[in-house]
Amino acid sequence: MRILMVCLGNICRSPLAEGILKHKARQRGLDWWVDSAGTGGWHVGELPDQRSIDVARRFGIDITDQRARQVRPEDFERFDLIFAMDRQNLQHLQQMTSRPEHLQKIRFLLDVLYPGQEREVPDPYYGGPEGFVQVFRLVEAACERLLEEHRPQ
């Protein structure tokens, strides 16, 4: 399974999602390829936000090997699933491709928990540390469900 997690700048939500899913897949012995990217390019090459690093570390996950990058056209070929954190990211991804086989790969991450409800992972950037914990817990629950749905038979 190849999964891309996408948020706006690739420094808060999507790095947490990448780190959580990689960690949990590795714990289960799954050979999943997980990456993250942003629809915007402001932070390309930067580490995740320190608050994301801190909350991940608090839960036993190291995301300091990640560097922000922007979504590329070839990502639509390389990944099986592309998860957007919010509506703006989802729409931007949909605008980047018109191929039906690419469009069907794109969905809200929280759709795995709340099918069809189009719930968004809130952006914690302008808030305090508690927002990052909330995002971690939401994303962790979604990753758990995703792993259950795609458990090898």
C-alpha atoms as a PDB file:
ATOM      1  CA  MET A   1       0.000   0.000   0.000  1.00  0.00           C
ATOM      2  CA  ARG A   2       1.307   3.450  -0.944  1.00  0.00           C
ATOM      3  CA  ILE A   3      -0.316   6.366   0.872  1.00  0.00           C
ATOM      4  CA  LEU A   4       0.209  10.128   0.644  1.00  0.00           C
ATOM      5  CA  MET A   5      -0.990  12.431   3.431  1.00  0.00           C
ATOM      6  CA  VAL A   6      -1.628  16.032   2.327  1.00  0.00           C
ATOM      7  CA  CYS A   7      -2.169  19.305   4.174  1.00  0.00           C
ATOM      8  CA  LEU A   8      -1.446  22.916   3.294  1.00  0.00           C
ATOM      9  CA  GLY A   9       2.207  23.459   4.193  1.00  0.00           C
ATOM     10  CA  ASN A  10       3.328  19.912   5.095  1.00  0.00           C
ATOM     11  CA  ILE A  11       4.582  20.978   8.515  1.00  0.00           C
ATOM     12  CA  CYS A  12       1.742  20.198  10.972  1.00  0.00           C
ATOM     13  CA  ARG A  13      -1.008  17.714  10.108  1.00  0.00           C
ATOM     14  CA  SER A  14       0.388  15.660   7.235  1.00  0.00           C
ATOM     15  CA  PRO A  15       3.792  15.028   8.900  1.00  0.00           C
ATOM     16  CA  LEU A  16       1.942  13.749  11.968  1.00  0.00           C
ATOM     17  CA  ALA A  17      -0.240  11.542   9.760  1.00  0.00           C
ATOM     18  CA  GLU A  18       2.813  10.219   7.911  1.00  0.00           C
ATOM     19  CA  GLY A  19       4.663   9.502  11.141  1.00  0.00           C
ATOM     20  CA  ILE A  20       1.718   7.846  12.863  1.00  0.00           C
ATOM     21  CA  LEU A  21       0.824   5.604   9.917  1.00  0.00           C
ATOM     22  CA  LYS A  22       4.455   4.611   9.255  1.00  0.00           C
ATOM     23  CA  HIS A  23       4.912   3.773  12.937  1.00  0.00           C
ATOM     24  CA  LYS A  24       1.742   1.698  13.173  1.00  0.00           C
ATOM     25  CA  ALA A  25       2.320  -0.103   9.859  1.00  0.00           C
ATOM     26  CA  ARG A  26       5.874  -0.979  10.918  1.00  0.00           C
ATOM     27  CA  GLN A  27       4.579  -2.309  14.271  1.00  0.00           C
ATOM     28  CA  ARG A  28       2.274  -4.637  12.321  1.00  0.00           C
ATOM     29  CA  GLY A  29       5.041  -5.778   9.978  1.00  0.00           C
ATOM     30  CA  LEU A  30       3.407  -4.164   6.949  1.00  0.00           C
ATOM     31  CA  ASP A  31       5.521  -2.983   4.039  1.00  0.00           C
ATOM     32  CA  TRP A  32       3.585   0.228   3.423  1.00  0.00           C
ATOM     33  CA  TRP A  33       5.132   3.245   1.760  1.00  0.00           C
ATOM     34  CA  VAL A  34       3.822   6.391   3.476  1.00  0.00           C
ATOM     35  CA  ASP A  35       4.767   9.949   2.592  1.00  0.00           C
ATOM     36  CA  SER A  36       3.358  13.435   3.082  1.00  0.00           C
ATOM     37  CA  ALA A  37       3.256  16.664   1.101  1.00  0.00           C
ATOM     38  CA  GLY A  38       1.655  20.084   1.063  1.00  0.00           C
ATOM     39  CA  THR A  39      -0.454  21.778  -1.549  1.00  0.00           C
ATOM     40  CA  GLY A  40       1.566  24.947  -0.893  1.00  0.00           C
ATOM     41  CA  GLY A  41       5.304  25.278  -1.238  1.00  0.00           C
ATOM     42  CA  TRP A  42       6.144  27.804   1.491  1.00  0.00           C
ATOM     43  CA  HIS A  43       7.981  25.346   3.739  1.00  0.00           C
ATOM     44  CA  VAL A  44       9.725  23.067   1.217  1.00  0.00           C
ATOM     45  CA  GLY A  45      12.810  21.509   2.785  1.00  0.00           C
ATOM     46  CA  GLU A  46      11.886  22.460   6.353  1.00  0.00           C
ATOM     47  CA  LEU A  47      11.395  20.180   9.350  1.00  0.00           C
ATOM     48  CA  PRO A  48       7.858  19.695  10.642  1.00  0.00           C
ATOM     49  CA  ASP A  49       6.580  22.377  13.028  1.00  0.00           C
ATOM     50  CA  GLN A  50       8.252  21.960  16.427  1.00  0.00           C
ATOM     51  CA  ARG A  51       4.846  21.430  18.045  1.00  0.00           C
ATOM     52  CA  SER A  52       4.203  18.471  15.711  1.00  0.00           C
ATOM     53  CA  ILE A  53       7.629  17.064  16.530  1.00  0.00           C
ATOM     54  CA  ASP A  54       6.925  17.479  20.256  1.00  0.00           C
ATOM     55  CA  VAL A  55       3.508  15.834  20.243  1.00  0.00           C
ATOM     56  CA  ALA A  56       4.733  12.943  18.087  1.00  0.00           C
ATOM     57  CA  ARG A  57       7.691  12.417  20.447  1.00  0.00           C
ATOM     58  CA  ARG A  58       5.294  12.501  23.419  1.00  0.00           C
ATOM     59  CA  PHE A  59       3.550   9.472  21.880  1.00  0.00           C
ATOM     60  CA  GLY A  60       6.773   7.659  20.986  1.00  0.00           C
ATOM     61  CA  ILE A  61       7.102   8.656  17.322  1.00  0.00           C
ATOM     62  CA  ASP A  62      10.075  10.460  15.780  1.00  0.00           C
ATOM     63  CA  ILE A  63       9.233  12.615  12.739  1.00  0.00           C
ATOM     64  CA  THR A  64      12.498  14.558  12.588  1.00  0.00           C
ATOM     65  CA  ASP A  65      13.604  12.671   9.462  1.00  0.00           C
ATOM     66  CA  GLN A  66      10.799  14.324   7.459  1.00  0.00           C
ATOM     67  CA  ARG A  67      11.214  17.428   5.299  1.00  0.00           C
ATOM     68  CA  ALA A  68       8.335  19.397   3.820  1.00  0.00           C
ATOM     69  CA  ARG A  69       7.660  19.023   0.129  1.00  0.00           C
ATOM     70  CA  GLN A  70       4.971  20.096  -2.289  1.00  0.00           C
ATOM     71  CA  VAL A  71       2.595  17.726  -4.076  1.00  0.00           C
ATOM     72  CA  ARG A  72       3.904  16.796  -7.530  1.00  0.00           C
ATOM     73  CA  PRO A  73       1.963  15.576 -10.583  1.00  0.00           C
ATOM     74  CA  GLU A  74       3.712  12.183 -10.434  1.00  0.00           C
ATOM     75  CA  ASP A  75       2.280  11.616  -6.941  1.00  0.00           C
ATOM     76  CA  PHE A  76      -1.041  10.749  -8.560  1.00  0.00           C
ATOM     77  CA  GLU A  77       0.645   7.797 -10.280  1.00  0.00           C
ATOM     78  CA  ARG A  78       2.876   6.739  -7.381  1.00  0.00           C
ATOM     79  CA  PHE A  79       0.282   6.489  -4.618  1.00  0.00           C
ATOM     80  CA  ASP A  80      -2.716   4.183  -4.137  1.00  0.00           C
ATOM     81  CA  LEU A  81      -4.507   6.570  -1.763  1.00  0.00           C
ATOM     82  CA  ILE A  82      -4.122  10.312  -1.285  1.00  0.00           C
ATOM     83  CA  PHE A  83      -5.628  11.673   1.913  1.00  0.00           C
ATOM     84  CA  ALA A  84      -6.460  15.367   2.269  1.00  0.00           C
ATOM     85  CA  MET A  85      -6.729  16.924   5.707  1.00  0.00           C
ATOM     86  CA  ASP A  86      -9.339  19.530   4.741  1.00  0.00           C
ATOM     87  CA  ARG A  87     -11.642  20.732   1.980  1.00  0.00           C
ATOM     88  CA  GLN A  88      -9.189  23.295   0.577  1.00  0.00           C
ATOM     89  CA  ASN A  89      -6.507  20.620   0.194  1.00  0.00           C
ATOM     90  CA  LEU A  90      -8.994  18.186  -1.330  1.00  0.00           C
ATOM     91  CA  GLN A  91     -10.131  20.738  -3.901  1.00  0.00           C
ATOM     92  CA  HIS A  92      -6.570  21.707  -4.752  1.00  0.00           C
ATOM     93  CA  LEU A  93      -5.665  18.051  -5.312  1.00  0.00           C
ATOM     94  CA  GLN A  94      -8.738  17.566  -7.502  1.00  0.00           C
ATOM     95  CA  GLN A  95      -7.761  20.606  -9.569  1.00  0.00           C
ATOM     96  CA  MET A  96      -4.305  19.165 -10.172  1.00  0.00           C
ATOM     97  CA  THR A  97      -5.635  16.210 -12.167  1.00  0.00           C
ATOM     98  CA  SER A  98      -8.591  15.440 -14.396  1.00  0.00           C
ATOM     99  CA  ARG A  99      -7.946  11.719 -14.783  1.00  0.00           C
ATOM    100  CA  PRO A 100     -10.742   9.654 -13.218  1.00  0.00           C
ATOM    101  CA  GLU A 101      -8.314   7.012 -11.934  1.00  0.00           C
ATOM    102  CA  HIS A 102      -6.426   9.746 -10.064  1.00  0.00           C
ATOM    103  CA  LEU A 103      -9.531  11.458  -8.726  1.00  0.00           C
ATOM    104  CA  GLN A 104     -10.812   8.233  -7.171  1.00  0.00           C
ATOM    105  CA  LYS A 105      -7.637   7.993  -5.056  1.00  0.00           C
ATOM    106  CA  ILE A 106      -8.294  11.344  -3.329  1.00  0.00           C
ATOM    107  CA  ARG A 107     -10.388  11.476  -0.160  1.00  0.00           C
ATOM    108  CA  PHE A 108     -10.654  13.092   3.258  1.00  0.00           C
ATOM    109  CA  LEU A 109      -8.563  11.287   5.868  1.00  0.00           C
ATOM    110  CA  LEU A 110     -11.405  11.400   8.372  1.00  0.00           C
ATOM    111  CA  ASP A 111     -13.718   9.646   5.887  1.00  0.00           C
ATOM    112  CA  VAL A 112     -12.227   6.404   7.185  1.00  0.00           C
ATOM    113  CA  LEU A 113     -13.800   7.227  10.568  1.00  0.00           C
ATOM    114  CA  TYR A 114     -16.859   9.167   9.409  1.00  0.00           C
ATOM    115  CA  PRO A 115     -17.757   7.909   5.920  1.00  0.00           C
ATOM    116  CA  GLY A 116     -19.401  10.504   3.700  1.00  0.00           C
ATOM    117  CA  GLN A 117     -19.355  13.244   6.350  1.00  0.00           C
ATOM    118  CA  GLU A 118     -16.425  15.125   4.813  1.00  0.00           C
ATOM    119  CA  ARG A 119     -15.003  15.972   8.230  1.00  0.00           C
ATOM    120  CA  GLU A 120     -11.780  17.949   8.278  1.00  0.00           C
ATOM    121  CA  VAL A 121      -8.692  17.561  10.428  1.00  0.00           C
ATOM    122  CA  PRO A 122      -8.455  21.017  12.052  1.00  0.00           C
ATOM    123  CA  ASP A 123      -5.336  23.040  11.349  1.00  0.00           C
ATOM    124  CA  PRO A 124      -3.563  23.537  14.701  1.00  0.00           C
ATOM    125  CA  TYR A 125      -0.988  26.025  13.363  1.00  0.00           C
ATOM    126  CA  TYR A 126      -2.390  29.164  15.011  1.00  0.00           C
ATOM    127  CA  GLY A 127      -3.389  27.498  18.261  1.00  0.00           C
ATOM    128  CA  GLY A 128      -1.608  26.125  21.259  1.00  0.00           C
ATOM    129  CA  PRO A 129      -0.158  22.695  22.011  1.00  0.00           C
ATOM    130  CA  GLU A 130      -3.572  21.241  22.899  1.00  0.00           C
ATOM    131  CA  GLY A 131      -4.624  21.610  19.250  1.00  0.00           C
ATOM    132  CA  PHE A 132      -1.707  19.425  18.191  1.00  0.00           C
ATOM    133  CA  VAL A 133      -2.723  16.764  20.705  1.00  0.00           C
ATOM    134  CA  GLN A 134      -6.287  16.864  19.334  1.00  0.00           C
ATOM    135  CA  VAL A 135      -4.965  16.478  15.780  1.00  0.00           C
ATOM    136  CA  PHE A 136      -2.700  13.629  16.860  1.00  0.00           C
ATOM    137  CA  ARG A 137      -5.604  11.741  18.428  1.00  0.00           C
ATOM    138  CA  LEU A 138      -7.906  12.255  15.427  1.00  0.00           C
ATOM    139  CA  VAL A 139      -5.245  11.201  12.949  1.00  0.00           C
ATOM    140  CA  GLU A 140      -4.209   8.248  15.086  1.00  0.00           C
ATOM    141  CA  ALA A 141      -7.794   6.972  15.184  1.00  0.00           C
ATOM    142  CA  ALA A 142      -8.082   7.341  11.407  1.00  0.00           C
ATOM    143  CA  CYS A 143      -4.793   5.503  10.880  1.00  0.00           C
ATOM    144  CA  GLU A 144      -5.927   2.658  13.142  1.00  0.00           C
ATOM    145  CA  ARG A 145      -9.147   2.293  11.148  1.00  0.00           C
ATOM    146  CA  LEU A 146      -7.252   2.468   7.859  1.00  0.00           C
ATOM    147  CA  LEU A 147      -4.945  -0.335   9.000  1.00  0.00           C
ATOM    148  CA  GLU A 148      -7.948  -2.420  10.039  1.00  0.00           C
ATOM    149  CA  GLU A 149      -9.647  -1.875   6.667  1.00  0.00           C
ATOM    150  CA  HIS A 150      -6.539  -2.902   4.752  1.00  0.00           C
ATOM    151  CA  ARG A 151      -5.402  -5.729   7.001  1.00  0.00           C
ATOM    152  CA  PRO A 152      -3.809  -8.576   4.999  1.00  0.00           C
ATOM    153  CA  GLN A 153      -6.106 -11.567   4.718  1.00  0.00           C
END
